[in-house]
Amino acid sequence: MNRKTLAILVADPDKLTSDTIGQMLKARGHAVTVVTDIVSGLKVIDMVLFDALVVPVDKHHSMMDLSFIDAAKKKQPDIKVLGISGDINEPTSISTAAIDGFLRKPFTLDQLDDKLCRTAADRSAAA
């Protein structure tokens, strides 16, 4: 199946998680930028147009990540946000309103790539 190359920002404060997800997506041919903090994320959003943002929506990350998601959407209103979580519960209603898709950890490369491509396709259809 031919897939569009996506510009993806992976923003997770856990460097190992960010790097792993980044490498997984690069292996599928996507253009990936990895950041581990809000300041770096906002700087790169000012310089690069992204199709998607991958960000954790775990309860222990929620304040940092929800503010980052809000700021990212203000700077790039068309960016699609894929929330990821290792929490056993579904994301809170606050985080659900801020994201366009959700994926529970652990996930495979196929699941991640599929979800991102479908989310980006929703963006293209809406444009």
Protein backbone atom coordinates (compact mmCIF):
# COMPACT_ATOMS: atom_id res chain seq x y z
CA MET A 1 0.00 0.00 0.00
CA ASN A 2 1.42 3.39 -0.95
CA ARG A 3 1.31 5.82 1.93
CA LYS A 4 1.93 9.53 2.03
CA THR A 5 5.07 10.65 3.81
CA LEU A 6 3.94 12.62 6.82
CA ALA A 7 5.72 15.38 8.74
CA ILE A 8 5.34 14.24 12.34
CA LEU A 9 6.33 15.87 15.61
CA VAL A 10 6.85 13.38 18.43
CA ALA A 11 6.74 15.17 21.79
CA ASP A 12 7.25 13.04 24.88
CA PRO A 13 9.19 14.01 28.00
CA ASP A 14 10.56 10.46 28.16
CA LYS A 15 13.55 10.55 25.80
CA LEU A 16 13.59 6.78 25.29
CA THR A 17 9.91 6.78 24.32
CA SER A 18 10.32 9.79 21.99
CA ASP A 19 13.38 8.33 20.31
CA THR A 20 11.79 4.89 19.91
CA ILE A 21 8.60 6.24 18.37
CA GLY A 22 10.65 8.57 16.17
CA GLN A 23 12.78 5.70 14.86
CA MET A 24 9.69 3.55 14.25
CA LEU A 25 8.09 6.27 12.14
CA LYS A 26 11.33 7.07 10.27
CA ALA A 27 11.52 3.37 9.35
CA ARG A 28 8.19 3.88 7.57
CA GLY A 29 9.60 6.82 5.63
CA HIS A 30 8.01 9.67 7.56
CA ALA A 31 9.80 12.96 8.25
CA VAL A 32 10.04 12.96 12.04
CA THR A 33 11.15 15.56 14.55
CA VAL A 34 11.53 14.50 18.18
CA VAL A 35 11.32 16.82 21.19
CA THR A 36 11.22 16.14 24.92
CA ASP A 37 9.99 19.48 26.27
CA ILE A 38 7.47 22.20 25.52
CA VAL A 39 10.01 24.93 24.78
CA SER A 40 11.73 22.85 22.07
CA GLY A 41 8.37 21.76 20.71
CA LEU A 42 7.09 25.31 20.35
CA LYS A 43 10.31 26.44 18.69
CA VAL A 44 10.16 23.69 16.07
CA ILE A 45 6.44 24.29 15.44
CA ASP A 46 7.36 27.86 14.52
CA MET A 47 9.79 26.56 11.89
CA VAL A 48 8.19 23.42 10.41
CA LEU A 49 4.66 22.66 9.21
CA PHE A 50 3.54 19.30 10.63
CA ASP A 51 0.79 16.92 9.58
CA ALA A 52 0.62 15.28 12.99
CA LEU A 53 1.70 15.53 16.60
CA VAL A 54 2.21 12.41 18.73
CA VAL A 55 1.98 13.26 22.43
CA PRO A 56 1.25 11.37 25.66
CA VAL A 57 -2.07 12.01 27.35
CA ASP A 58 -1.36 10.06 30.53
CA LYS A 59 -2.78 11.63 33.67
CA HIS A 60 0.70 12.21 35.09
CA HIS A 61 1.63 14.19 31.94
CA SER A 62 -1.73 15.90 31.36
CA MET A 63 -1.01 19.48 32.45
CA MET A 64 2.19 19.75 30.42
CA ASP A 65 0.80 18.01 27.39
CA LEU A 66 -2.62 19.64 27.26
CA SER A 67 -1.05 23.09 27.36
CA PHE A 68 1.38 22.02 24.64
CA ILE A 69 -1.42 20.60 22.48
CA ASP A 70 -3.38 23.83 22.87
CA ALA A 71 -0.37 25.95 21.91
CA ALA A 72 0.47 23.68 18.96
CA LYS A 73 -3.09 23.90 17.61
CA LYS A 74 -3.06 27.69 17.93
CA LYS A 75 0.15 27.86 15.89
CA GLN A 76 -0.88 25.15 13.40
CA PRO A 77 -4.69 24.81 13.41
CA ASP A 78 -4.66 21.93 10.90
CA ILE A 79 -2.25 19.72 12.85
CA LYS A 80 -3.76 16.38 13.87
CA VAL A 81 -2.98 15.16 17.38
CA LEU A 82 -2.54 11.49 18.21
CA GLY A 83 -2.66 10.95 21.96
CA ILE A 84 -0.81 7.94 23.33
CA SER A 85 -1.14 6.48 26.79
CA GLY A 86 -0.06 3.58 28.92
CA ASP A 87 -2.82 4.28 31.44
CA ILE A 88 -5.36 1.51 31.82
CA ASN A 89 -8.27 3.97 31.62
CA GLU A 90 -9.39 5.91 28.58
CA PRO A 91 -8.14 9.48 28.33
CA THR A 92 -10.03 12.10 30.33
CA SER A 93 -12.74 14.12 28.64
CA ILE A 94 -10.43 17.15 28.69
CA SER A 95 -7.68 15.34 26.80
CA THR A 96 -10.18 13.61 24.49
CA ALA A 97 -11.46 17.00 23.34
CA ALA A 98 -7.89 18.07 22.51
CA ILE A 99 -6.89 15.02 20.45
CA ASP A 100 -7.92 13.65 17.07
CA GLY A 101 -6.98 10.04 17.70
CA PHE A 102 -5.90 7.77 20.55
CA LEU A 103 -3.58 4.78 20.79
CA ARG A 104 -2.90 2.73 23.91
CA LYS A 105 0.63 1.55 24.72
CA PRO A 106 2.05 -0.87 23.92
CA PHE A 107 1.38 -0.58 20.22
CA THR A 108 3.06 -1.98 17.16
CA LEU A 109 4.65 -0.03 14.34
CA ASP A 110 1.76 -1.09 12.07
CA GLN A 111 -0.83 0.19 14.57
CA LEU A 112 1.01 3.51 15.00
CA ASP A 113 1.55 4.09 11.29
CA ASP A 114 -2.02 3.07 10.46
CA LYS A 115 -3.55 5.40 13.04
CA LEU A 116 -1.38 8.34 11.94
CA CYS A 117 -2.12 7.81 8.25
CA ARG A 118 -5.88 7.57 8.91
CA THR A 119 -5.77 10.68 11.08
CA ALA A 120 -3.84 12.61 8.41
CA ALA A 121 -6.29 11.39 5.77
CA ASP A 122 -9.08 12.88 7.87
CA ARG A 123 -7.13 16.16 7.74
CA SER A 124 -6.86 16.00 3.94
CA ALA A 125 -10.55 15.23 3.56
CA ALA A 126 -11.48 18.21 5.75
CA ALA A 127 -9.22 20.63 3.88
